């Protein structure tokens, strides 16, 4: 026995089975299988999948759930005898033998397009008319990654920062979401639901500057008056700032903590083998206030991160070596203004910094707003890792420079304008690797994918602060704040330049223009060999009346009434099953006015049967 899948021009699939006697076909059996978009080609894979390369529109991948052996589905045979004028009938239905798995988006055929910022998003959108017949679409393309929003919760006030924290270094999922406000800190536990935590050990009466897991199972909270070290057994060690000075900025990883006091003084801490956080006695006073700081994660097999980066109000970014093996470690920096100094700083005896003579400089246009050191490995993890310093500037630009693993030299600086607001940088996870979330007037994601870096905006509202998020329901997500809301989301379709929204149309679109005053789209659609909706309704009623009129006895009358009700009331989705074909020379056409932002239809006008609109113009 052999079988094939064959498709009609409407997209209906039939399973054709051949019964043979040696090399002779003795019978051909045909059974309705499923309905998919009309294809140029189809391919059945050995793994049980069906790929449909569509003639028009998106291409689809289906999993074959069964071979269409359902006895309830009528089967037609070449041995069945038909009287003159008789034919076989079948009914379309939802997918039963196939399961939709994925699709490749396509704009083919593209009949008309417009590019403009109709929704006032500070970036233009592409409005494209695509497809043919009832499977046509208006597609709105935006340059950016698609974001899947999982939860949005309003908070009692406007938060200014958010972090996620694990209980133990070996935990797969985060345990807490820490939200900082102007005068308080809110700690939420992550489980089946997100609820307020009462036993986290965090100081709730003060805003938090930074927090995270330190060591294997301890928590650290940095606030303006000190550092709170919360051990696994709930013991709390406090370090208070001297002379009631304030902590203004901080940076930390699992073994190191660096803070900046008001006035530009740096204080450095390290975790010892007993889990105690120790302060280094030597401190360094910088010439101006510290604006931002960053410590890279500790490389595998090492005890500490080698570099600390500090952004200072004198428009410099400084790279400090933290390796105790180096007796003289140069502190190099980027000048971020038009002034030039010839200075070189050294670290002596771990954190005793002194000034010496010369350092190379680079002039940049603005003060730093945020810093993030990121170590990147190759996709196969065989090559040497590379350290990149990402610098967000107050003028809306992002700088990305490579830091030499040994000397700390900064090389190959690249600049990208992100928006009108100062750029803030946050470490998140993407494809099980570190990535950078950049927030300005738009939010951007800098990530490593398929052996290259991508910097792509998010098709989402502007965010103010972000952190990575992991739970049982979301293995790789982002928690962020926007105004007074806490949002949990995931970024999808990495590597894509555009994401799109599709709105179904009725006939093949011919022309699109923009209404100048309403920021709406006017679209004209026309199909040949097609019926208008009123004509289809009239023909269904006529067919139903004919069926009821031809019934003779009571049994036939009851059956005819059921069939007539189906004809009158059952309207298959034409965007899936296609529209009924009319005789050549019949035309159907509509004109619609669509809201460019929401896709809502403001006005819909159907032309009389056999009238065809090909173009339109506003004057």
Protein backbone atom coordinates (compact mmCIF):
# COMPACT_ATOMS: atom_id res chain seq x y z
CA UNK A 1 0.00 0.00 0.00
CA UNK A 2 1.28 3.47 -0.92
CA UNK A 3 -0.12 6.87 -0.04
CA UNK A 4 0.51 10.45 -1.11
CA UNK A 5 -0.58 13.86 0.13
CA UNK A 6 -2.17 15.99 -2.59
CA UNK A 7 -3.49 19.55 -2.35
CA UNK A 8 -6.22 21.48 -4.15
CA UNK A 9 -5.90 25.13 -5.14
CA UNK A 10 -7.98 26.02 -2.07
CA UNK A 11 -5.42 24.39 0.24
CA UNK A 12 -7.35 21.21 1.11
CA UNK A 13 -5.05 18.21 1.63
CA UNK A 14 -6.12 14.70 0.62
CA UNK A 15 -4.55 11.42 1.52
CA UNK A 16 -4.40 9.31 -1.64
CA UNK A 17 -3.85 5.58 -1.05
CA UNK A 18 -2.94 3.15 -3.82
CA UNK A 19 -3.72 -0.55 -3.50
CA UNK A 20 -1.57 -2.65 -5.80
CA UNK A 21 -1.29 -6.17 -7.06
CA UNK A 22 2.41 -6.48 -7.86
CA UNK A 23 3.00 -3.58 -10.31
CA UNK A 24 -0.66 -3.00 -11.07
CA UNK A 25 -2.76 -0.41 -9.21
CA UNK A 26 -6.05 -2.06 -8.34
CA UNK A 27 -7.75 0.73 -6.39
CA UNK A 28 -7.29 4.41 -5.53
CA UNK A 29 -8.76 5.75 -2.27
CA UNK A 30 -9.06 9.45 -1.41
CA UNK A 31 -9.76 10.86 2.06
CA UNK A 32 -9.80 14.45 3.31
CA UNK A 33 -6.71 15.02 5.50
CA UNK A 34 -6.53 18.70 6.59
CA UNK A 35 -6.43 22.23 5.18
CA UNK A 36 -3.25 24.34 4.98
CA UNK A 37 -2.33 27.38 2.86
CA UNK A 38 -1.85 26.60 -0.87
CA UNK A 39 1.74 25.48 -1.38
CA UNK A 40 4.39 25.68 -4.06
CA UNK A 41 6.00 22.61 -2.52
CA UNK A 42 5.57 20.27 0.43
CA UNK A 43 8.13 18.09 2.15
CA UNK A 44 7.54 15.26 4.62
CA UNK A 45 10.51 14.79 6.96
CA UNK A 46 11.60 11.47 8.41
CA UNK A 47 11.06 12.87 11.90
CA UNK A 48 7.32 13.17 11.29
CA UNK A 49 7.03 16.80 10.23
CA UNK A 50 5.44 18.40 7.18
CA UNK A 51 6.93 21.61 5.78
CA UNK A 52 4.63 23.69 3.59
CA UNK A 53 6.35 26.25 1.35
CA UNK A 54 3.38 28.52 0.76
CA UNK A 55 2.62 30.02 -2.62
CA UNK A 56 1.64 33.28 -0.91
CA UNK A 57 2.31 34.42 2.64
CA UNK A 58 4.04 32.71 5.56
CA UNK A 59 5.59 29.25 5.29
CA UNK A 60 4.54 26.68 7.88
CA UNK A 61 5.91 23.66 9.74
CA UNK A 62 3.46 21.04 11.02
CA UNK A 63 3.86 17.89 13.05
CA UNK A 64 1.96 14.89 11.68
CA UNK A 65 -0.19 13.78 14.63
CA UNK A 66 -1.87 10.89 12.81
CA UNK A 67 -2.15 9.46 9.29
CA UNK A 68 -5.79 10.39 8.81
CA UNK A 69 -7.18 6.91 9.51
CA UNK A 70 -10.25 8.24 11.32
CA UNK A 71 -13.24 6.10 10.34
CA UNK A 72 -15.60 9.06 10.79
CA UNK A 73 -14.03 10.79 7.78
CA UNK A 74 -15.64 9.67 4.50
CA UNK A 75 -13.36 7.83 2.08
CA UNK A 76 -13.88 7.88 -1.68
CA UNK A 77 -12.77 5.00 -3.89
CA UNK A 78 -12.18 4.60 -7.61
CA UNK A 79 -14.41 1.51 -7.45
CA UNK A 80 -17.43 3.50 -6.27
CA UNK A 81 -20.02 3.93 -8.99
CA UNK A 82 -21.61 7.37 -9.49
CA UNK A 83 -24.70 8.24 -11.46
CA UNK A 84 -24.57 11.03 -14.03
CA UNK A 85 -24.39 14.41 -12.31
CA UNK A 86 -23.34 12.95 -8.95
CA UNK A 87 -20.09 13.86 -7.23
CA UNK A 88 -18.27 13.33 -3.95
CA UNK A 89 -18.70 15.82 -1.10
CA UNK A 90 -16.54 16.50 1.94
CA UNK A 91 -16.48 19.10 4.69
CA UNK A 92 -13.52 21.15 5.89
CA UNK A 93 -12.69 21.31 9.59
CA UNK A 94 -10.04 22.48 12.03
CA UNK A 95 -6.63 20.81 11.98
CA UNK A 96 -6.91 17.25 13.23
CA UNK A 97 -4.13 15.24 11.59
CA UNK A 98 -1.59 18.09 11.72
CA UNK A 99 -0.34 20.27 14.58
CA UNK A 100 1.10 23.71 13.77
CA UNK A 101 4.64 23.97 15.19
CA UNK A 102 6.30 27.03 13.66
CA UNK A 103 6.25 29.40 10.73
CA UNK A 104 8.63 31.46 8.63
CA UNK A 105 7.22 34.94 8.17
CA UNK A 106 7.05 36.20 4.60
CA UNK A 107 5.89 39.42 2.93
CA UNK A 108 5.32 37.72 -0.41
CA UNK A 109 3.58 39.09 -2.41
CA UNK A 110 4.07 42.70 -1.34
CA UNK A 111 1.51 44.81 -3.20
CA UNK A 112 1.88 48.20 -1.47
CA UNK A 113 3.79 49.73 1.46
CA UNK A 114 4.27 52.90 3.47
CA UNK A 115 7.08 53.87 5.87
CA UNK A 116 6.42 56.43 8.59
CA UNK A 117 6.03 57.00 12.33
CA UNK A 118 2.23 57.05 12.47
CA UNK A 119 2.13 55.87 16.11
CA UNK A 120 4.66 58.46 17.38
CA UNK A 121 7.14 55.89 18.71
CA UNK A 122 10.26 57.90 17.74
CA UNK A 123 11.02 55.27 15.11
CA UNK A 124 9.30 54.65 11.77
CA UNK A 125 7.12 51.61 11.09
CA UNK A 126 6.66 49.75 7.81
CA UNK A 127 3.02 49.23 6.79
CA UNK A 128 2.88 46.50 4.15
CA UNK A 129 0.01 44.94 2.19
CA UNK A 130 0.75 41.26 1.63
CA UNK A 131 -0.87 38.07 0.44
CA UNK A 132 -3.68 37.05 -1.87
CA UNK A 133 -7.40 36.55 -1.45
CA UNK A 134 -8.89 35.87 1.96
CA UNK A 135 -5.43 35.03 3.36
CA UNK A 136 -4.20 38.61 2.80
CA UNK A 137 -2.82 40.78 5.61
CA UNK A 138 -1.89 44.26 6.59
CA UNK A 139 1.47 43.76 8.32
CA UNK A 140 3.03 46.38 10.58
CA UNK A 141 6.78 45.90 10.91
CA UNK A 142 8.84 47.50 13.65
CA UNK A 143 12.60 47.43 13.95
CA UNK A 144 13.08 45.55 17.18
CA UNK A 145 12.86 42.28 19.05
CA UNK A 146 9.49 40.84 19.93
CA UNK A 147 8.74 40.88 23.66
CA UNK A 148 6.41 38.42 25.34
CA UNK A 149 4.80 40.11 28.34
CA UNK A 150 4.12 37.64 31.16
CA UNK A 151 2.98 39.82 34.05
CA UNK A 152 2.37 43.48 34.89
CA UNK A 153 1.73 44.63 38.47
CA UNK A 154 1.15 48.12 39.80
CA UNK A 155 3.33 49.14 42.75
CA UNK A 156 2.53 51.53 45.63
CA UNK A 157 4.63 54.37 44.24
CA UNK A 158 7.30 54.85 41.60
CA UNK A 159 10.28 52.50 42.17
CA UNK A 160 13.79 53.48 41.11
CA UNK A 161 15.54 50.08 40.90
CA UNK A 162 14.90 46.33 40.83
CA UNK A 163 17.09 43.23 41.27
CA UNK A 164 16.63 39.46 41.49
CA UNK A 165 18.50 37.35 44.05
CA UNK A 166 19.07 33.61 44.51
CA UNK A 167 19.23 31.94 47.94
CA UNK A 168 22.13 29.67 46.98
CA UNK A 169 24.72 29.67 44.22
CA UNK A 170 23.50 26.26 43.03
CA UNK A 171 19.86 27.31 42.72
CA UNK A 172 18.48 27.32 39.19
CA UNK A 173 15.79 29.90 39.92
CA UNK A 174 15.68 33.27 41.64
CA UNK A 175 14.22 33.46 45.14
CA UNK A 176 13.57 37.20 45.61
CA UNK A 177 12.69 40.30 43.63
CA UNK A 178 14.06 43.37 45.42
CA UNK A 179 12.38 46.68 44.54
CA UNK A 180 13.87 49.95 45.78
CA UNK A 181 11.81 53.11 46.31
CA UNK A 182 12.89 56.61 47.32
CA UNK A 183 12.54 55.84 51.04
CA UNK A 184 11.99 52.08 51.33
CA UNK A 185 12.80 48.63 49.97
CA UNK A 186 10.21 46.00 49.04
CA UNK A 187 11.23 42.32 48.88
CA UNK A 188 9.03 39.85 46.99
CA UNK A 189 9.33 36.06 47.02
CA UNK A 190 9.17 34.15 43.73
CA UNK A 191 7.09 30.97 43.65
CA UNK A 192 3.88 29.95 41.96
CA UNK A 193 2.87 33.53 42.75
CA UNK A 194 4.91 36.62 43.65
CA UNK A 195 4.23 37.75 47.22
CA UNK A 196 5.81 40.10 49.75
CA UNK A 197 8.54 38.49 51.88
CA UNK A 198 8.78 39.13 55.60
CA UNK A 199 11.90 37.13 56.52
CA UNK A 200 14.44 38.09 53.86
CA UNK A 201 16.75 39.97 56.24
CA UNK A 202 16.79 43.08 54.04
CA UNK A 203 16.45 46.50 55.64
CA UNK A 204 13.03 47.69 54.48
CA UNK A 205 13.17 51.26 55.82
CA UNK A 206 15.91 52.50 53.49
CA UNK A 207 16.33 52.57 49.71
CA UNK A 208 18.71 49.98 48.28
CA UNK A 209 21.67 50.92 46.08
CA UNK A 210 22.64 47.35 45.20
CA UNK A 211 22.10 43.79 46.33
CA UNK A 212 22.86 40.23 45.38
CA UNK A 213 24.19 36.83 46.35
CA UNK A 214 27.66 36.86 47.92
CA UNK A 215 29.58 33.71 48.66
CA UNK A 216 27.65 30.48 48.30
CA UNK A 217 24.56 31.23 50.36
CA UNK A 218 24.68 34.76 51.82
CA UNK A 219 22.89 37.93 50.75
CA UNK A 220 24.25 41.45 50.59
CA UNK A 221 22.32 44.71 50.71
CA UNK A 222 24.06 48.03 50.08
CA UNK A 223 22.20 51.16 51.20
CA UNK A 224 23.22 54.78 51.73
CA UNK A 225 24.40 54.36 55.36
CA UNK A 226 26.18 51.02 55.09
CA UNK A 227 26.38 47.39 54.00
CA UNK A 228 24.19 44.60 55.36
CA UNK A 229 25.66 41.07 55.13
CA UNK A 230 22.90 38.48 55.69
CA UNK A 231 24.26 34.99 56.41
CA UNK A 232 22.41 31.77 55.56
CA UNK A 233 21.63 31.18 59.27
CA UNK A 234 19.96 34.65 59.43
CA UNK A 235 22.87 36.27 61.26
CA UNK A 236 23.36 39.84 60.05
CA UNK A 237 26.67 41.72 59.96
CA UNK A 238 26.52 45.48 59.48
CA UNK A 239 29.20 47.83 58.16
CA UNK A 240 28.44 51.50 58.73
CA UNK A 241 29.90 54.40 56.80
CA UNK A 242 32.38 56.55 58.75
CA UNK A 243 31.34 59.97 59.95
CA UNK A 244 27.76 59.61 58.68
CA UNK A 245 28.98 59.86 55.11
CA UNK A 246 26.71 58.53 52.38
CA UNK A 247 27.32 55.73 49.90
CA UNK A 248 26.44 57.07 46.46
CA UNK A 249 27.39 54.20 44.10
CA UNK A 250 28.36 50.55 44.40
CA UNK A 251 29.37 47.45 42.45
CA UNK A 252 29.58 43.81 43.51
CA UNK A 253 29.95 40.21 42.43
CA UNK A 254 30.00 36.96 44.41
CA UNK A 255 33.28 37.73 46.24
CA UNK A 256 34.01 41.43 45.81
CA UNK A 257 32.31 44.68 46.78
CA UNK A 258 33.33 48.23 45.89
CA UNK A 259 31.53 51.34 47.11
CA UNK A 260 31.96 55.05 46.48
CA UNK A 261 31.37 57.50 49.32
CA UNK A 262 30.20 61.06 48.77
CA UNK A 263 33.20 63.14 47.79
CA UNK A 264 34.75 60.53 45.50
CA UNK A 265 36.33 58.09 48.00
CA UNK A 266 36.53 54.39 47.04
CA UNK A 267 36.27 51.58 49.59
CA UNK A 268 36.97 47.96 48.61
CA UNK A 269 35.91 44.68 50.26
CA UNK A 270 36.64 41.01 49.59
CA UNK A 271 35.13 37.81 50.93
CA UNK A 272 37.61 35.51 52.68
CA UNK A 273 37.55 31.71 52.86
CA UNK A 274 35.43 31.77 56.04
CA UNK A 275 32.68 33.82 54.39
CA UNK A 276 33.61 37.05 56.19
CA UNK A 277 33.51 40.30 54.21
CA UNK A 278 36.75 42.18 54.89
CA UNK A 279 37.45 45.84 54.21
CA UNK A 280 40.80 46.81 52.68
CA UNK A 281 42.46 49.45 54.80
CA UNK A 282 43.70 51.64 51.97
CA UNK A 283 41.20 53.92 50.26
CA UNK A 284 41.43 56.11 47.20
CA UNK A 285 40.06 59.61 46.79
CA UNK A 286 39.15 60.50 43.24
CA UNK A 287 39.17 64.11 42.00
CA UNK A 288 35.39 64.24 41.46
CA UNK A 289 32.19 62.50 42.47
CA UNK A 290 31.71 58.92 41.30
CA UNK A 291 28.81 58.62 38.85
CA UNK A 292 28.85 54.86 38.18
CA UNK A 293 30.80 51.67 38.91
CA UNK A 294 31.03 48.12 37.60
CA UNK A 295 32.71 44.84 38.54
CA UNK A 296 32.80 41.96 36.09
CA UNK A 297 31.72 38.48 37.12
CA UNK A 298 34.47 36.23 38.49
CA UNK A 299 35.98 34.09 35.70
CA UNK A 300 35.71 30.33 36.12
CA UNK A 301 38.60 28.91 38.14
CA UNK A 302 39.60 32.26 39.69
CA UNK A 303 38.99 33.88 43.07
CA UNK A 304 38.28 37.45 41.99
CA UNK A 305 37.50 39.72 39.11
CA UNK A 306 40.62 41.45 37.85
CA UNK A 307 39.15 44.87 37.08
CA UNK A 308 36.98 47.54 38.66
CA UNK A 309 35.68 50.33 36.41
CA UNK A 310 34.67 53.73 37.78
CA UNK A 311 32.92 56.59 35.98
CA UNK A 312 33.74 59.99 37.48
CA UNK A 313 32.09 63.40 37.18
CA UNK A 314 35.25 64.85 35.59
CA UNK A 315 34.15 62.98 32.45
CA UNK A 316 36.54 60.07 32.84
CA UNK A 317 36.11 56.32 33.01
CA UNK A 318 38.88 54.55 34.95
CA UNK A 319 39.89 50.89 34.92
CA UNK A 320 41.51 49.72 38.18
CA UNK A 321 43.30 46.40 38.58
CA UNK A 322 42.28 44.42 41.68
CA UNK A 323 44.86 41.64 41.35
CA UNK A 324 46.90 41.44 44.63
CA UNK A 325 49.74 39.79 42.69
CA UNK A 326 50.45 43.09 40.91
CA UNK A 327 52.54 45.49 42.94
CA UNK A 328 52.17 48.21 40.32
CA UNK A 329 48.95 47.93 38.33
CA UNK A 330 48.12 50.80 36.00
CA UNK A 331 44.76 52.45 36.40
CA UNK A 332 43.81 53.61 32.90
CA UNK A 333 40.95 55.82 31.96
CA UNK A 334 38.97 57.32 29.12
CA UNK A 335 38.54 61.07 29.09
CA UNK A 336 34.91 61.86 28.30
CA UNK A 337 35.27 65.58 27.68
CA UNK A 338 37.42 67.81 25.55
CA UNK A 339 40.19 68.21 28.18
CA UNK A 340 43.49 66.30 28.13
CA UNK A 341 45.58 65.25 31.10
CA UNK A 342 48.82 63.26 31.24
CA UNK A 343 48.28 61.12 34.28
CA UNK A 344 48.87 57.50 35.22
CA UNK A 345 47.55 55.90 38.40
CA UNK A 346 48.97 52.83 40.11
CA UNK A 347 47.61 50.37 42.61
CA UNK A 348 50.15 49.48 45.28
CA UNK A 349 49.64 46.76 47.89
CA UNK A 350 46.20 45.77 46.63
CA UNK A 351 44.32 49.06 47.04
CA UNK A 352 46.92 51.71 47.81
CA UNK A 353 46.69 53.98 44.76
CA UNK A 354 49.27 56.65 43.90
CA UNK A 355 49.73 58.99 40.97
CA UNK A 356 52.58 58.78 38.47
CA UNK A 357 53.18 60.18 34.99
CA UNK A 358 51.60 59.45 31.60
CA UNK A 359 48.39 57.85 30.26
CA UNK A 360 46.77 57.74 26.80
CA UNK A 361 43.42 59.52 26.56
CA UNK A 362 40.32 59.51 24.38
CA UNK A 363 38.01 62.51 24.05
CA UNK A 364 34.26 61.79 24.21
CA UNK A 365 31.24 64.08 24.21
CA UNK A 366 29.54 63.49 27.58
CA UNK A 367 29.77 62.30 31.17
CA UNK A 368 29.23 58.57 31.90
CA UNK A 369 25.83 57.54 33.25
CA UNK A 370 26.42 53.81 33.77
CA UNK A 371 29.07 51.12 33.26
CA UNK A 372 28.93 47.37 32.70
CA UNK A 373 31.89 45.02 32.35
CA UNK A 374 30.96 41.90 30.40
CA UNK A 375 33.08 38.85 29.67
CA UNK A 376 32.16 37.01 26.47
CA UNK A 377 33.19 33.50 25.47
CA UNK A 378 33.05 32.04 21.97
CA UNK A 379 30.03 29.89 21.11
CA UNK A 380 32.08 26.68 21.36
CA UNK A 381 33.77 27.87 24.62
CA UNK A 382 37.15 26.90 23.14
CA UNK A 383 38.54 30.34 22.37
CA UNK A 384 39.84 32.90 24.86
CA UNK A 385 37.26 35.08 26.57
CA UNK A 386 37.00 38.79 25.77
CA UNK A 387 36.19 41.55 28.26
CA UNK A 388 34.03 44.38 26.95
CA UNK A 389 33.40 47.61 28.84
CA UNK A 390 30.01 49.10 27.99
CA UNK A 391 29.64 52.80 28.81
CA UNK A 392 26.29 54.56 28.82
CA UNK A 393 26.60 58.31 28.39
CA UNK A 394 24.30 61.08 29.54
CA UNK A 395 23.89 62.34 25.97
CA UNK A 396 22.14 59.09 24.94
CA UNK A 397 25.14 57.31 23.38
CA UNK A 398 26.49 53.84 24.13
CA UNK A 399 30.23 53.21 23.96
CA UNK A 400 31.60 49.69 23.76
CA UNK A 401 35.32 49.08 24.15
CA UNK A 402 37.48 45.98 24.50
CA UNK A 403 39.57 45.68 27.68
CA UNK A 404 42.86 43.82 27.48
CA UNK A 405 42.72 40.84 29.86
CA UNK A 406 46.26 41.45 31.17
CA UNK A 407 47.07 45.15 30.99
CA UNK A 408 43.61 46.69 31.23
CA UNK A 409 44.18 48.75 28.09
CA UNK A 410 40.99 49.86 26.33
CA UNK A 411 40.93 49.21 22.59
CA UNK A 412 38.56 49.43 19.62
CA UNK A 413 35.96 51.81 21.04
CA UNK A 414 32.66 51.93 19.15
CA UNK A 415 29.77 54.37 19.56
CA UNK A 416 26.03 54.02 18.97
CA UNK A 417 23.30 56.58 19.60
CA UNK A 418 20.38 54.98 21.49
CA UNK A 419 17.99 57.77 22.43
CA UNK A 420 17.36 61.15 23.97
CA UNK A 421 17.73 60.09 27.62
CA UNK A 422 20.88 59.05 29.53
CA UNK A 423 21.78 55.41 28.85
CA UNK A 424 21.55 52.94 31.75
CA UNK A 425 23.01 49.44 31.45
CA UNK A 426 21.90 46.22 33.16
CA UNK A 427 23.16 42.66 33.06
CA UNK A 428 20.56 40.12 31.85
CA UNK A 429 20.67 36.59 30.39
CA UNK A 430 20.06 35.57 26.80
CA UNK A 431 20.64 32.10 25.33
CA UNK A 432 22.33 31.14 28.63
CA UNK A 433 24.88 33.95 28.19
CA UNK A 434 25.31 37.40 29.69
CA UNK A 435 23.70 40.22 27.72
CA UNK A 436 23.23 43.96 28.23
CA UNK A 437 19.87 45.69 28.56
CA UNK A 438 20.25 49.36 27.61
CA UNK A 439 17.52 51.82 28.57
CA UNK A 440 17.11 55.30 27.12
CA UNK A 441 14.09 56.82 25.38
CA UNK A 442 13.92 53.28 23.87
CA UNK A 443 15.08 50.01 25.37
CA UNK A 444 17.78 48.00 23.56
CA UNK A 445 19.32 44.55 23.97
CA UNK A 446 23.02 43.93 23.27
CA UNK A 447 23.56 40.18 22.98
CA UNK A 448 25.89 37.61 21.43
CA UNK A 449 24.16 35.33 18.94
CA UNK A 450 25.58 33.08 16.22
CA UNK A 451 29.16 34.30 16.77
CA UNK A 452 28.39 38.01 16.47
CA UNK A 453 27.06 40.83 18.61
CA UNK A 454 23.62 42.29 17.96
CA UNK A 455 22.34 45.62 19.29
CA UNK A 456 18.60 45.68 18.63
CA UNK A 457 15.79 47.81 20.10
CA UNK A 458 12.87 46.16 21.88
CA UNK A 459 9.37 46.62 20.52
CA UNK A 460 8.12 47.60 23.95
CA UNK A 461 7.50 50.63 26.13
CA UNK A 462 10.47 52.52 27.54
CA UNK A 463 11.92 50.85 30.66
CA UNK A 464 13.74 52.51 33.57
CA UNK A 465 15.54 49.62 35.30
CA UNK A 466 15.92 45.92 34.53
CA UNK A 467 17.39 42.67 35.84
CA UNK A 468 17.49 39.04 34.76
CA UNK A 469 14.65 36.82 35.99
CA UNK A 470 14.47 33.02 36.29
CA UNK A 471 11.62 30.91 37.62
CA UNK A 472 9.98 27.56 36.96
CA UNK A 473 7.54 29.24 34.58
CA UNK A 474 10.17 31.42 32.85
CA UNK A 475 13.64 29.97 32.39
CA UNK A 476 15.17 33.12 30.90
CA UNK A 477 13.26 36.34 31.45
CA UNK A 478 13.62 39.98 32.44
CA UNK A 479 12.03 41.85 35.33
CA UNK A 480 11.81 45.60 34.80
CA UNK A 481 10.15 48.74 36.07
CA UNK A 482 8.33 51.35 34.02
CA UNK A 483 6.78 54.25 35.92
CA UNK A 484 4.79 52.64 38.76
CA UNK A 485 4.61 49.11 37.30
CA UNK A 486 6.69 45.97 37.74
CA UNK A 487 6.89 43.93 34.54
CA UNK A 488 8.07 40.39 33.80
CA UNK A 489 8.82 39.63 30.16
CA UNK A 490 10.85 37.45 27.82
CA UNK A 491 12.60 38.38 24.58
CA UNK A 492 11.82 36.15 21.60
CA UNK A 493 13.18 35.48 18.10
CA UNK A 494 16.77 36.53 18.68
CA UNK A 495 18.58 37.58 15.54
CA UNK A 496 15.49 39.04 13.89
CA UNK A 497 15.67 42.64 12.71
CA UNK A 498 11.91 43.20 12.67
CA UNK A 499 8.87 42.00 14.53
CA UNK A 500 5.48 42.25 12.95
CA UNK A 501 1.79 42.40 13.71
CA UNK A 502 -0.66 41.12 11.11
CA UNK A 503 -4.28 42.20 10.57
CA UNK A 504 -6.45 40.08 8.30
CA UNK A 505 -7.92 41.52 5.11
CA UNK A 506 -10.83 40.24 3.03
CA UNK A 507 -9.55 40.37 -0.55
CA UNK A 508 -6.22 40.87 -2.28
CA UNK A 509 -4.97 44.34 -1.24
CA UNK A 510 -4.22 46.68 -4.13
CA UNK A 511 -3.32 50.09 -2.69
CA UNK A 512 -2.61 51.78 0.64
CA UNK A 513 -2.53 55.50 1.43
CA UNK A 514 -2.35 57.48 4.67
CA UNK A 515 -5.17 59.74 5.81
CA UNK A 516 -3.24 62.96 6.57
CA UNK A 517 -5.28 64.22 9.51
CA UNK A 518 -6.28 61.01 11.30
CA UNK A 519 -3.01 59.00 11.01
CA UNK A 520 -5.12 56.17 9.64
CA UNK A 521 -4.64 53.89 6.66
CA UNK A 522 -7.03 53.68 3.73
CA UNK A 523 -6.85 50.33 1.93
CA UNK A 524 -8.56 49.14 -1.23
CA UNK A 525 -8.98 45.36 -1.76
CA UNK A 526 -10.16 43.61 -4.92
CA UNK A 527 -10.42 40.00 -6.12
CA UNK A 528 -11.38 38.44 -9.42
CA UNK A 529 -13.62 35.34 -9.48
CA UNK A 530 -14.94 36.31 -6.06
CA UNK A 531 -18.27 36.99 -4.41
CA UNK A 532 -19.15 39.89 -2.15
CA UNK A 533 -20.41 39.01 1.31
CA UNK A 534 -24.00 39.87 0.41
CA UNK A 535 -23.83 37.64 -2.69
CA UNK A 536 -22.42 34.74 -0.66
CA UNK A 537 -25.23 35.09 1.89
CA UNK A 538 -27.84 35.14 -0.88
CA UNK A 539 -26.38 32.05 -2.57
CA UNK A 540 -26.24 30.14 0.72
CA UNK A 541 -29.90 30.93 1.34
CA UNK A 542 -30.82 29.84 -2.20
CA UNK A 543 -28.96 26.54 -1.82
CA UNK A 544 -30.58 25.92 1.57
CA UNK A 545 -34.05 26.64 0.13
CA UNK A 546 -33.40 24.27 -2.81
CA UNK A 547 -32.33 21.45 -0.47
CA UNK A 548 -35.44 21.85 1.69
CA UNK A 549 -37.69 22.01 -1.38
CA UNK A 550 -36.30 18.76 -2.87
CA UNK A 551 -37.01 16.72 0.29
CA UNK A 552 -39.86 14.20 -0.17
CA UNK A 553 -40.63 12.21 2.98
CA UNK A 554 -40.37 13.10 6.66
CA UNK A 555 -36.91 11.59 7.05
CA UNK A 556 -35.54 13.55 4.11
CA UNK A 557 -37.24 16.72 5.35
CA UNK A 558 -35.50 16.44 8.73
CA UNK A 559 -32.11 15.77 7.11
CA UNK A 560 -32.62 18.60 4.60
CA UNK A 561 -33.46 21.02 7.41
CA UNK A 562 -30.22 20.13 9.24
CA UNK A 563 -28.16 20.60 6.09
CA UNK A 564 -29.91 23.90 5.35
CA UNK A 565 -29.18 25.18 8.87
CA UNK A 566 -25.50 24.33 8.43
CA UNK A 567 -25.40 26.16 5.10
CA UNK A 568 -27.03 29.27 6.52
CA UNK A 569 -25.19 29.46 9.85
CA UNK A 570 -21.84 27.72 9.46
CA UNK A 571 -19.33 30.23 8.10
CA UNK A 572 -15.82 28.70 7.86
CA UNK A 573 -12.96 31.10 8.55
CA UNK A 574 -11.93 32.16 5.06
CA UNK A 575 -8.48 33.27 6.25
CA UNK A 576 -7.82 29.59 7.01
CA UNK A 577 -9.93 27.67 4.49
CA UNK A 578 -10.03 30.20 1.66
CA UNK A 579 -13.04 31.84 0.02
CA UNK A 580 -15.43 30.14 -2.45
CA UNK A 581 -14.55 30.68 -6.10
CA UNK A 582 -16.91 32.45 -8.47
CA UNK A 583 -17.09 32.22 -12.25
CA UNK A 584 -14.62 34.25 -14.32
CA UNK A 585 -15.73 37.84 -14.76
CA UNK A 586 -17.11 38.20 -11.24
CA UNK A 587 -15.46 40.80 -8.99
CA UNK A 588 -15.58 41.73 -5.30
CA UNK A 589 -14.05 44.83 -3.73
CA UNK A 590 -13.97 46.75 -0.43
CA UNK A 591 -12.47 49.98 0.92
CA UNK A 592 -11.56 50.21 4.61
CA UNK A 593 -10.16 52.81 7.01
CA UNK A 594 -7.82 51.29 9.63
CA UNK A 595 -6.34 52.75 12.81
CA UNK A 596 -2.57 52.67 12.29
CA UNK A 597 -1.81 52.08 15.98
CA UNK A 598 -4.39 49.48 17.04
CA UNK A 599 -5.55 47.94 13.76
CA UNK A 600 -9.17 48.77 14.58
CA UNK A 601 -11.46 49.31 11.60
CA UNK A 602 -12.96 52.82 11.61
CA UNK A 603 -14.93 52.37 8.40
CA UNK A 604 -15.65 49.47 6.02
CA UNK A 605 -17.40 49.90 2.67
CA UNK A 606 -18.15 46.98 0.34
CA UNK A 607 -18.70 47.81 -3.32
CA UNK A 608 -21.58 46.13 -5.20
CA UNK A 609 -20.95 42.78 -6.87
CA UNK A 610 -18.77 42.95 -10.02
CA UNK A 611 -17.34 46.39 -9.25
CA UNK A 612 -13.54 46.44 -8.89
CA UNK A 613 -11.54 49.22 -7.21
CA UNK A 614 -7.90 49.25 -8.31
CA UNK A 615 -6.53 52.46 -6.76
CA UNK A 616 -7.51 55.39 -4.55
CA UNK A 617 -6.40 58.95 -3.88
CA UNK A 618 -7.19 61.64 -1.28
CA UNK A 619 -7.56 65.23 -2.42
